[in-house]
Amino acid sequence: MTELRGSGRGDRITLTGLRVRAHHGVFDFERVEGQEFVIDVSVAVDLAAAAASDELDRTVHYGELAEAVVAAVERDPVDLIETVAERVAAVALGFAAVDEVEVTVHKPQAPITVPFGDVAVTIVRGRA
C-alpha cells in the first residue's frame, strides 16, 4: 500500500499554554524585567502512519517540539510578539513531518492602560 502525504487531513498535535519567561517588548522595562509569554502551537501532521505502526519516528515528538519552541521564545529579544510568533512557526516547520503550524503568542502582562483578559497574536504558516 502506498502512503499519501497528507492523507491524515485534519490530524494535529497541539501544545497549549507553554509558559516562557522572556524579554520581548517595545519598552525598556520589558527588556530589562522580562515577563511571561504563553505559547499555543498546533501542527498539522499526518498521524496515520504513526498510529498504524506505533513508532515515535513516524510522528512529531511533542516533548522535543515543546523544548524547541521554548528555546526559540527565550532567545534574543525582539520588539513584537508577531516576530516571536514567526520564529516559533519556523521552528515547528523545521520538523520534517509538519505540514502547517498555527501559533498563538499570548502576552498576559502587556503594558495596556485598560483592564484586559489577554493580548495575543495568531499566525498560520505552511510549507512553501
Protein backbone atom coordinates (compact mmCIF):
# COMPACT_ATOMS: atom_id res chain seq x y z
CA MET A 1 0.00 0.00 0.00
CA THR A 2 1.32 3.44 -0.89
CA GLU A 3 1.16 6.16 1.77
CA LEU A 4 -0.01 9.53 0.58
CA ARG A 5 1.44 12.61 2.27
CA GLY A 6 -1.44 14.50 3.83
CA SER A 7 -3.81 11.53 3.91
CA GLY A 8 -4.43 12.34 7.57
CA ARG A 9 -6.03 15.66 6.65
CA GLY A 10 -7.05 17.39 9.83
CA ASP A 11 -4.64 15.46 12.07
CA ARG A 12 -2.97 17.76 14.59
CA ILE A 13 -0.67 17.76 17.57
CA THR A 14 -1.40 20.67 19.89
CA LEU A 15 0.61 22.14 22.74
CA THR A 16 -1.38 24.62 24.82
CA GLY A 17 -0.10 27.04 27.42
CA LEU A 18 3.67 26.70 27.15
CA ARG A 19 4.95 29.27 29.65
CA VAL A 20 8.17 31.11 28.88
CA ARG A 21 9.88 33.99 30.67
CA ALA A 22 11.45 36.27 28.08
CA HIS A 23 12.43 39.88 27.45
CA HIS A 24 10.44 40.87 24.36
CA GLY A 25 8.73 44.23 24.05
CA VAL A 26 8.99 47.76 22.77
CA PHE A 27 9.59 49.37 26.16
CA ASP A 28 12.91 49.36 28.01
CA PHE A 29 11.35 47.97 31.21
CA GLU A 30 10.04 44.97 29.27
CA ARG A 31 13.54 44.23 28.03
CA VAL A 32 15.09 44.64 31.49
CA GLU A 33 12.49 42.99 33.72
CA GLY A 34 11.09 40.43 31.28
CA GLN A 35 7.66 38.87 31.56
CA GLU A 36 5.78 35.67 30.97
CA PHE A 37 4.64 34.72 27.49
CA VAL A 38 2.21 31.87 26.88
CA ILE A 39 2.51 29.95 23.63
CA ASP A 40 0.00 27.68 21.91
CA VAL A 41 1.24 25.62 18.96
CA SER A 42 -0.80 23.32 16.78
CA VAL A 43 0.93 21.40 14.00
CA ALA A 44 -0.73 19.60 11.11
CA VAL A 45 0.83 16.16 10.85
CA ASP A 46 -0.37 13.02 9.10
CA LEU A 47 -0.74 10.74 12.11
CA ALA A 48 -1.99 7.66 10.26
CA ALA A 49 1.44 6.05 9.83
CA ALA A 50 2.39 6.65 13.46
CA ALA A 51 -0.90 5.25 14.69
CA ALA A 52 -0.63 2.17 12.49
CA SER A 53 3.00 1.41 13.38
CA ASP A 54 3.07 2.74 16.96
CA GLU A 55 6.51 4.20 16.15
CA LEU A 56 7.59 7.57 17.52
CA ASP A 57 9.76 8.35 14.49
CA ARG A 58 6.61 8.41 12.30
CA THR A 59 5.25 11.49 14.09
CA VAL A 60 6.46 14.64 15.86
CA HIS A 61 7.86 14.11 19.35
CA TYR A 62 5.81 16.70 21.23
CA GLY A 63 8.38 16.91 24.02
CA GLU A 64 11.08 17.90 21.54
CA LEU A 65 8.69 20.34 19.87
CA ALA A 66 7.90 21.95 23.24
CA GLU A 67 11.59 22.32 24.11
CA ALA A 68 12.38 23.82 20.70
CA VAL A 69 9.50 26.32 20.99
CA VAL A 70 10.56 27.41 24.48
CA ALA A 71 14.18 27.83 23.36
CA ALA A 72 13.05 29.95 20.39
CA VAL A 73 10.98 32.25 22.60
CA GLU A 74 13.74 32.59 25.21
CA ARG A 75 16.45 33.68 22.77
CA ASP A 76 17.32 37.20 21.62
CA PRO A 77 14.67 39.80 22.47
CA VAL A 78 12.55 41.42 19.78
CA ASP A 79 10.03 44.25 19.88
CA LEU A 80 6.91 42.48 18.61
CA ILE A 81 5.10 39.30 19.57
CA GLU A 82 4.37 38.97 15.85
CA THR A 83 8.11 38.37 15.39
CA VAL A 84 8.10 35.82 18.20
CA ALA A 85 5.21 34.00 16.52
CA GLU A 86 7.08 33.86 13.19
CA ARG A 87 10.13 32.48 14.98
CA VAL A 88 8.05 29.74 16.62
CA ALA A 89 6.39 28.88 13.31
CA ALA A 90 9.78 28.48 11.63
CA VAL A 91 10.93 26.15 14.42
CA ALA A 92 7.81 23.99 14.12
CA LEU A 93 8.11 23.80 10.33
CA GLY A 94 11.68 22.59 10.88
CA PHE A 95 10.21 19.24 11.94
CA ALA A 96 10.00 17.14 8.76
CA ALA A 97 6.53 15.72 9.46
CA VAL A 98 4.91 19.14 9.98
CA ASP A 99 2.89 20.42 7.02
CA GLU A 100 1.35 23.50 8.67
CA VAL A 101 1.53 25.28 12.01
CA GLU A 102 -0.74 27.61 13.92
CA VAL A 103 0.97 29.66 16.62
CA THR A 104 -0.63 31.92 19.21
CA VAL A 105 1.60 34.08 21.38
CA HIS A 106 -0.14 35.48 24.47
CA LYS A 107 1.28 38.42 26.40
CA PRO A 108 -0.74 38.40 29.63
CA GLN A 109 1.21 41.26 31.24
CA ALA A 110 1.12 43.52 28.18
CA PRO A 111 1.56 47.19 29.09
CA ILE A 112 -2.01 48.33 28.41
CA THR A 113 -3.69 51.05 30.45
CA VAL A 114 -7.18 49.48 30.47
CA PRO A 115 -8.31 46.22 32.11
CA PHE A 116 -7.97 43.20 29.81
CA GLY A 117 -8.05 39.43 29.86
CA ASP A 118 -5.44 38.66 27.22
CA VAL A 119 -3.42 40.07 24.37
CA ALA A 120 -2.39 37.61 21.68
CA VAL A 121 -1.42 37.25 18.05
CA THR A 122 -2.14 34.15 15.98
CA ILE A 123 -0.46 33.18 12.73
CA VAL A 124 -0.81 30.19 10.42
CA ARG A 125 2.11 29.13 8.23
CA GLY A 126 2.66 26.20 5.89
CA ARG A 127 5.38 24.78 3.76
CA ALA A 128 6.18 26.83 0.70
